[in-house]
Amino acid sequence: MTSPRTDPISPQASPTVTARVFEGFDDPTVTADEWNALVHRGDTDAIYLTWHWLRAWWRTLGSGQLLLTAMERDGRLVAIAPFYVDSGMVFFVGSGTSDNMDFIGDVSDPEVLDALLVTARAEAAGFVGFRLYGVLDTSRTSARVQAAAKRLGLQCYEEQRWSAPVIDLGADPDGVRLSAGERRIAKREQYFRRQGELTLRQFTDNASIVPHLEAFFEQHISRQAVSDDESQFVDRRRRAFLEQLTRTAADTGWLRLSILDWDGRPIAFEYGLSYERTYYSGPTSFAVDLVRRAPDQVLLRQLLLAALDNGVETYDLGVGDDSFKFTFATHLRHVHTWGLYPREPLPALS
């Protein structure tokens, strides 16, 4: 095993500021707790940047060259760029399946951000550019990478923009309860209650979640089979990711597998996460023979009420403009993809 690389940022940089490339997520010089403490200090404190999420993602969905680039000042870790490289393009780990991505820690100092980008560019085999998915408009990273691109002689483009609706439970809990009691949805729930017993079960640890995952995957595949979109869980790697995340985050208290039972039959599932008073809505399934009764909407109503009762402040509905989200959303955020590319082609290596 090689030791972590430690290099000065540039000849002009302060000798107390250095860039490092970790060996991987199990690098002995940084613990999961230290990593997650740094997440709390960044502009985006989200489940998708935690050591647990990113490690599970890389182990099951990752490909190419892992490039966890870190910055230290006077020997203290101040920032991490959780990068990987695929076909010369540098991405955030989690790209494609994580809703929010960002730098971890404090990148307010231009010297720090520039060093992360310069180091990654130098380390990336066959460097083509950076494609940074999932940057929230509430993060200052959008402005910072545009400024950094100018300093480093890169062209910067906004390549994509998606809606990211959320429900602010803390600002108006009574209003949210009123929305959750919306007549059409309440009527659907009443149908199930008149015809039998309706129960919400939530599981929060590895031992209780794992026995239900296969039923969840199969129900999701069956539901999507009658729609235009293939289930993500047809891909065994996507199943493996949730299984790995469940094991990796087993003791964090973040896991939430919710099952809506009707007379003992599971008619809807959701794999969500609860982190720092935010509930992250995850993949949802429901019994396809009950499609007209919309058990997924009944489950959403139940989860909203449970979140209010449990002191959750923000209910994140995930990226996308599905119409049902706007029934409950209190405000709309956006996530952006930023592309940074050399102004001139890089010279061929001799």
Protein backbone atom coordinates (compact mmCIF):
# COMPACT_ATOMS: atom_id res chain seq x y z
CA MET A 1 0.00 0.00 0.00
CA THR A 2 1.42 3.38 -0.99
CA SER A 3 1.31 6.35 1.35
CA PRO A 4 -1.01 9.28 0.56
CA ARG A 5 0.54 11.82 -1.82
CA THR A 6 1.21 15.25 -0.35
CA ASP A 7 2.24 18.01 -2.74
CA PRO A 8 2.57 21.78 -2.58
CA ILE A 9 -0.23 23.48 -4.50
CA SER A 10 2.10 25.55 -6.64
CA PRO A 11 5.44 27.35 -6.32
CA GLN A 12 3.53 30.53 -5.44
CA ALA A 13 1.27 28.99 -2.79
CA SER A 14 1.82 29.19 0.93
CA PRO A 15 3.93 26.24 2.10
CA THR A 16 1.36 25.67 4.87
CA VAL A 17 -1.32 24.78 2.29
CA THR A 18 -0.97 21.38 0.63
CA ALA A 19 -3.01 19.13 -1.61
CA ARG A 20 -3.35 15.41 -0.98
CA VAL A 21 -4.92 12.51 -2.85
CA PHE A 22 -6.39 9.92 -0.51
CA GLU A 23 -5.79 6.22 -1.11
CA GLY A 24 -9.56 5.68 -1.08
CA PHE A 25 -12.50 5.87 1.27
CA ASP A 26 -10.66 3.64 3.73
CA ASP A 27 -7.56 5.84 3.78
CA PRO A 28 -6.14 5.46 7.32
CA THR A 29 -5.52 9.21 7.66
CA VAL A 30 -9.20 10.23 7.60
CA THR A 31 -12.08 8.62 9.50
CA ALA A 32 -15.76 8.56 8.54
CA ASP A 33 -16.49 10.91 11.46
CA GLU A 34 -13.83 13.39 10.33
CA TRP A 35 -15.15 13.25 6.78
CA ASN A 36 -18.75 13.87 7.90
CA ALA A 37 -17.70 16.70 10.23
CA LEU A 38 -16.25 18.40 7.17
CA VAL A 39 -19.57 17.91 5.32
CA HIS A 40 -21.27 19.92 8.09
CA ARG A 41 -18.90 22.84 7.46
CA GLY A 42 -19.55 23.05 3.72
CA ASP A 43 -22.19 24.90 1.72
CA THR A 44 -24.09 21.66 1.06
CA ASP A 45 -24.67 19.58 4.17
CA ALA A 46 -26.48 16.69 2.50
CA ILE A 47 -26.69 12.93 2.93
CA TYR A 48 -25.21 12.52 -0.57
CA LEU A 49 -21.83 13.90 0.53
CA THR A 50 -21.38 11.73 3.60
CA TRP A 51 -18.62 9.14 3.74
CA HIS A 52 -21.25 6.39 4.06
CA TRP A 53 -23.20 7.33 0.91
CA LEU A 54 -20.16 7.98 -1.27
CA ARG A 55 -18.29 4.86 -0.17
CA ALA A 56 -21.34 2.67 -0.89
CA TRP A 57 -21.77 4.36 -4.28
CA TRP A 58 -18.16 3.89 -5.30
CA ARG A 59 -18.05 0.24 -4.23
CA THR A 60 -21.12 -0.67 -6.32
CA LEU A 61 -21.57 1.94 -9.07
CA GLY A 62 -18.15 3.52 -9.44
CA SER A 63 -15.86 3.11 -12.42
CA GLY A 64 -12.66 4.67 -13.67
CA GLN A 65 -10.06 6.36 -11.48
CA LEU A 66 -10.98 7.38 -7.94
CA LEU A 67 -9.49 10.81 -7.19
CA LEU A 68 -10.37 11.95 -3.65
CA THR A 69 -8.48 15.23 -3.55
CA ALA A 70 -8.07 16.98 -0.21
CA MET A 71 -6.66 20.26 1.04
CA GLU A 72 -4.83 20.79 4.32
CA ARG A 73 -3.83 24.05 5.95
CA ASP A 74 -1.15 23.82 8.64
CA GLY A 75 -1.79 20.07 8.74
CA ARG A 76 -5.55 20.45 9.26
CA LEU A 77 -8.01 19.05 6.73
CA VAL A 78 -10.14 21.91 5.36
CA ALA A 79 -11.73 20.60 2.15
CA ILE A 80 -12.24 17.51 -0.01
CA ALA A 81 -13.12 17.27 -3.68
CA PRO A 82 -14.74 13.82 -3.98
CA PHE A 83 -13.74 13.28 -7.60
CA TYR A 84 -13.35 10.38 -9.95
CA VAL A 85 -12.18 10.29 -13.56
CA ASP A 86 -13.83 8.40 -16.40
CA SER A 87 -12.58 8.71 -20.01
CA GLY A 88 -10.65 11.84 -19.05
CA MET A 89 -13.69 13.64 -17.58
CA VAL A 90 -13.64 14.54 -13.88
CA PHE A 91 -16.93 14.03 -12.01
CA PHE A 92 -18.14 14.16 -8.43
CA VAL A 93 -18.48 10.67 -6.94
CA GLY A 94 -22.20 9.93 -6.95
CA SER A 95 -22.91 11.51 -10.33
CA GLY A 96 -25.98 10.11 -12.02
CA THR A 97 -27.76 8.83 -8.91
CA SER A 98 -27.16 11.47 -6.21
CA ASP A 99 -29.40 14.55 -6.23
CA ASN A 100 -26.97 16.99 -4.57
CA MET A 101 -23.20 17.12 -5.02
CA ASP A 102 -20.58 19.63 -4.06
CA PHE A 103 -17.15 20.18 -2.61
CA ILE A 104 -16.88 19.11 1.01
CA GLY A 105 -15.73 21.56 3.65
CA ASP A 106 -14.61 25.17 3.23
CA VAL A 107 -13.65 26.24 -0.31
CA SER A 108 -14.28 29.95 0.26
CA ASP A 109 -10.55 30.67 -0.11
CA PRO A 110 -9.84 30.84 -3.88
CA GLU A 111 -6.42 29.33 -3.21
CA VAL A 112 -8.06 26.20 -1.81
CA LEU A 113 -10.56 25.77 -4.64
CA ASP A 114 -7.95 26.45 -7.31
CA ALA A 115 -5.61 23.91 -5.75
CA LEU A 116 -8.29 21.21 -5.72
CA LEU A 117 -8.99 21.78 -9.41
CA VAL A 118 -5.34 22.08 -10.43
CA THR A 119 -4.39 18.92 -8.53
CA ALA A 120 -7.27 16.93 -10.00
CA ARG A 121 -6.44 18.14 -13.49
CA ALA A 122 -2.82 17.08 -13.07
CA GLU A 123 -3.76 13.66 -11.66
CA ALA A 124 -6.57 12.85 -14.12
CA ALA A 125 -5.42 10.43 -16.79
CA GLY A 126 -6.14 11.89 -20.24
CA PHE A 127 -7.79 15.00 -18.77
CA VAL A 128 -10.69 16.38 -20.85
CA GLY A 129 -12.54 18.61 -18.39
CA PHE A 130 -14.73 18.80 -15.30
CA ARG A 131 -18.45 18.01 -15.34
CA LEU A 132 -19.89 18.88 -11.94
CA TYR A 133 -23.43 17.56 -11.53
CA GLY A 134 -25.98 18.35 -8.86
CA VAL A 135 -24.82 21.73 -7.51
CA LEU A 136 -27.67 23.36 -5.58
CA ASP A 137 -28.51 26.99 -6.25
CA THR A 138 -28.30 27.52 -2.49
CA SER A 139 -24.57 26.69 -2.68
CA ARG A 140 -21.98 29.36 -3.47
CA THR A 141 -20.11 26.76 -5.54
CA SER A 142 -21.80 27.90 -8.77
CA ALA A 143 -20.31 31.37 -8.47
CA ARG A 144 -17.01 30.05 -7.17
CA VAL A 145 -16.33 27.61 -10.01
CA GLN A 146 -17.11 30.31 -12.58
CA ALA A 147 -14.58 32.60 -10.92
CA ALA A 148 -12.05 29.77 -10.60
CA ALA A 149 -12.41 28.94 -14.30
CA LYS A 150 -11.35 32.49 -15.21
CA ARG A 151 -8.34 32.33 -12.90
CA LEU A 152 -7.25 28.95 -14.27
CA GLY A 153 -7.81 29.66 -17.95
CA LEU A 154 -10.81 27.32 -18.27
CA GLN A 155 -14.09 27.85 -20.08
CA CYS A 156 -17.14 27.39 -17.85
CA TYR A 157 -20.64 26.49 -19.03
CA GLU A 158 -23.94 25.78 -17.30
CA GLU A 159 -24.82 22.53 -19.06
CA GLN A 160 -28.04 21.46 -17.32
CA ARG A 161 -30.56 22.66 -14.76
CA TRP A 162 -33.21 20.61 -12.93
CA SER A 163 -36.05 21.38 -10.55
CA ALA A 164 -35.64 20.26 -6.94
CA PRO A 165 -38.90 20.86 -5.01
CA VAL A 166 -38.87 20.71 -1.22
CA ILE A 167 -41.37 21.06 1.61
CA ASP A 168 -40.45 23.41 4.44
CA LEU A 169 -42.10 21.62 7.36
CA GLY A 170 -40.71 23.97 9.99
CA ALA A 171 -42.04 27.21 8.49
CA ASP A 172 -45.71 26.21 8.25
CA PRO A 173 -46.46 22.79 9.77
CA ASP A 174 -50.20 23.50 9.91
CA GLY A 175 -50.20 24.36 6.21
CA VAL A 176 -48.39 21.13 5.40
CA ARG A 177 -50.91 19.13 7.44
CA LEU A 178 -53.67 20.86 5.48
CA SER A 179 -52.01 19.91 2.19
CA ALA A 180 -51.55 16.33 3.40
CA GLY A 181 -55.28 16.25 4.10
CA GLU A 182 -56.09 17.34 0.55
CA ARG A 183 -59.50 15.89 -0.27
CA ARG A 184 -58.49 13.68 -3.19
CA ILE A 185 -55.64 12.02 -1.27
CA ALA A 186 -57.62 11.70 1.95
CA LYS A 187 -60.43 10.05 0.00
CA ARG A 188 -58.01 7.46 -1.37
CA GLU A 189 -56.76 6.68 2.12
CA GLN A 190 -60.33 6.35 3.37
CA TYR A 191 -61.00 3.69 0.73
CA PHE A 192 -58.25 1.47 2.13
CA ARG A 193 -59.36 2.06 5.72
CA ARG A 194 -62.98 1.18 4.93
CA GLN A 195 -61.92 -2.05 3.24
CA GLY A 196 -59.36 -3.22 5.80
CA GLU A 197 -56.55 -2.26 8.15
CA LEU A 198 -53.99 0.27 6.90
CA THR A 199 -50.65 0.39 8.71
CA LEU A 200 -47.37 2.25 8.17
CA ARG A 201 -44.23 0.38 9.23
CA GLN A 202 -40.79 1.99 9.27
CA PHE A 203 -37.48 0.15 9.64
CA THR A 204 -34.29 1.96 10.60
CA ASP A 205 -31.47 -0.58 10.82
CA ASN A 206 -29.71 -3.13 8.68
CA ALA A 207 -31.15 -6.21 10.39
CA SER A 208 -34.77 -5.15 9.95
CA ILE A 209 -34.44 -3.63 6.46
CA VAL A 210 -32.56 -6.38 4.61
CA PRO A 211 -35.36 -9.02 4.80
CA HIS A 212 -37.72 -6.63 2.93
CA LEU A 213 -35.41 -5.40 0.18
CA GLU A 214 -36.09 -8.19 -2.30
CA ALA A 215 -39.87 -7.64 -2.08
CA PHE A 216 -39.30 -3.92 -2.60
CA PHE A 217 -37.10 -4.49 -5.67
CA GLU A 218 -39.57 -6.91 -7.23
CA GLN A 219 -42.55 -4.63 -6.62
CA HIS A 220 -40.64 -1.71 -8.15
CA ILE A 221 -39.79 -3.77 -11.25
CA SER A 222 -43.42 -4.92 -11.62
CA ARG A 223 -44.73 -1.37 -11.28
CA GLN A 224 -42.32 0.08 -13.84
CA ALA A 225 -42.95 -2.76 -16.27
CA VAL A 226 -46.38 -1.27 -17.09
CA SER A 227 -44.96 2.24 -17.59
CA ASP A 228 -42.61 3.76 -20.13
CA ASP A 229 -39.62 3.68 -17.78
CA GLU A 230 -37.68 0.56 -16.85
CA SER A 231 -37.08 0.06 -13.15
CA GLN A 232 -33.62 1.05 -11.94
CA PHE A 233 -33.53 -2.24 -10.03
CA VAL A 234 -33.36 -4.30 -13.19
CA ASP A 235 -29.71 -3.32 -12.93
CA ARG A 236 -28.17 -5.54 -10.26
CA ARG A 237 -25.68 -2.81 -9.41
CA ARG A 238 -28.50 -0.50 -8.30
CA ARG A 239 -29.78 -3.22 -5.99
CA ALA A 240 -26.26 -3.74 -4.71
CA PHE A 241 -25.93 -0.03 -3.97
CA LEU A 242 -28.94 0.04 -1.64
CA GLU A 243 -27.80 -3.20 -0.03
CA GLN A 244 -24.31 -1.77 0.49
CA LEU A 245 -25.66 1.54 1.81
CA THR A 246 -27.87 -0.33 4.26
CA ARG A 247 -24.85 -2.19 5.63
CA THR A 248 -22.50 0.80 5.60
CA ALA A 249 -24.95 3.17 7.32
CA ALA A 250 -26.45 0.52 9.58
CA ASP A 251 -25.63 2.32 12.83
CA THR A 252 -26.12 5.94 11.76
CA GLY A 253 -29.85 6.25 12.40
CA TRP A 254 -30.36 7.65 8.89
CA LEU A 255 -32.06 4.64 7.26
CA ARG A 256 -35.82 4.67 6.65
CA LEU A 257 -37.48 1.80 4.80
CA SER A 258 -41.21 2.52 4.92
CA ILE A 259 -43.87 -0.06 4.10
CA LEU A 260 -47.58 0.65 3.79
CA ASP A 261 -49.50 -2.52 4.69
CA TRP A 262 -53.12 -3.17 3.87
CA ASP A 263 -54.49 -6.15 5.79
CA GLY A 264 -50.94 -7.41 6.14
CA ARG A 265 -50.09 -7.01 2.45
CA PRO A 266 -47.33 -4.55 1.51
CA ILE A 267 -48.98 -2.26 -1.05
CA ALA A 268 -46.28 0.45 -1.19
CA PHE A 269 -42.60 0.89 -0.27
CA GLU A 270 -40.19 3.80 -0.02
CA TYR A 271 -36.48 3.71 0.76
CA GLY A 272 -35.79 7.14 2.26
CA LEU A 273 -33.17 8.67 4.52
CA SER A 274 -33.35 11.04 7.47
CA TYR A 275 -30.29 13.22 8.03
CA GLU A 276 -29.80 16.47 9.96
CA ARG A 277 -33.56 17.17 10.24
CA THR A 278 -34.06 16.60 6.52
CA TYR A 279 -36.02 13.66 5.15
CA TYR A 280 -34.82 12.56 1.71
CA SER A 281 -37.54 10.88 -0.32
CA GLY A 282 -36.12 7.87 -2.15
CA PRO A 283 -37.27 5.28 -4.68
CA THR A 284 -40.93 4.33 -4.24
CA SER A 285 -42.97 1.39 -5.44
CA PHE A 286 -46.56 0.21 -5.15
CA ALA A 287 -48.73 -2.78 -6.03
CA VAL A 288 -49.50 -2.46 -9.72
CA ASP A 289 -53.01 -3.95 -9.39
CA LEU A 290 -53.95 -1.00 -7.15
CA VAL A 291 -52.73 1.71 -9.50
CA ARG A 292 -56.17 3.39 -9.65
CA ARG A 293 -56.18 3.68 -5.85
CA ALA A 294 -52.77 5.45 -5.82
CA PRO A 295 -51.27 3.78 -2.73
CA ASP A 296 -48.02 5.68 -3.38
CA GLN A 297 -49.84 8.97 -2.68
CA VAL A 298 -51.35 7.51 0.46
CA LEU A 299 -47.86 6.47 1.55
CA LEU A 300 -46.54 9.98 0.86
CA ARG A 301 -49.29 11.46 3.03
CA GLN A 302 -48.41 9.10 5.86
CA LEU A 303 -44.69 9.86 5.56
CA LEU A 304 -45.34 13.60 5.65
CA LEU A 305 -47.38 13.27 8.83
CA ALA A 306 -44.71 11.03 10.39
CA ALA A 307 -42.01 13.56 9.47
CA LEU A 308 -43.97 16.37 11.16
CA ASP A 309 -44.42 14.24 14.28
CA ASN A 310 -40.68 13.44 14.36
CA GLY A 311 -39.42 17.03 14.16
CA VAL A 312 -38.19 16.94 10.56
CA GLU A 313 -37.74 20.48 9.24
CA THR A 314 -37.25 19.86 5.49
CA TYR A 315 -38.82 17.19 3.30
CA ASP A 316 -36.71 16.80 0.15
CA LEU A 317 -38.82 15.45 -2.71
CA GLY A 318 -35.81 14.82 -4.93
CA VAL A 319 -34.79 16.17 -8.31
CA GLY A 320 -37.45 16.21 -11.01
CA ASP A 321 -40.68 17.98 -11.92
CA ASP A 322 -43.16 15.15 -11.35
CA SER A 323 -46.59 16.71 -10.93
CA PHE A 324 -47.37 15.03 -7.60
CA LYS A 325 -44.43 16.82 -5.96
CA PHE A 326 -46.00 20.21 -6.55
CA THR A 327 -49.12 19.21 -4.62
CA PHE A 328 -47.04 19.53 -1.46
CA ALA A 329 -43.91 21.57 -2.33
CA THR A 330 -43.59 24.90 -0.53
CA HIS A 331 -40.69 26.17 -2.61
CA LEU A 332 -38.55 25.23 -5.56
CA ARG A 333 -34.79 24.90 -5.68
CA HIS A 334 -32.68 23.97 -8.69
CA VAL A 335 -29.56 21.92 -9.22
CA HIS A 336 -27.03 22.75 -11.89
CA THR A 337 -24.37 20.97 -13.92
CA TRP A 338 -21.22 23.01 -14.54
CA GLY A 339 -18.73 22.10 -17.25
CA LEU A 340 -15.15 23.42 -17.08
CA TYR A 341 -12.89 22.82 -20.08
CA PRO A 342 -9.45 23.95 -21.30
CA ARG A 343 -9.57 26.91 -23.66
CA GLU A 344 -6.97 25.23 -25.84
CA PRO A 345 -6.47 21.50 -26.37
CA LEU A 346 -3.89 20.08 -24.00
CA PRO A 347 -0.54 19.31 -25.68
CA ALA A 348 0.18 15.67 -26.31
CA LEU A 349 2.59 14.07 -23.88
CA SER A 350 5.98 13.32 -25.41
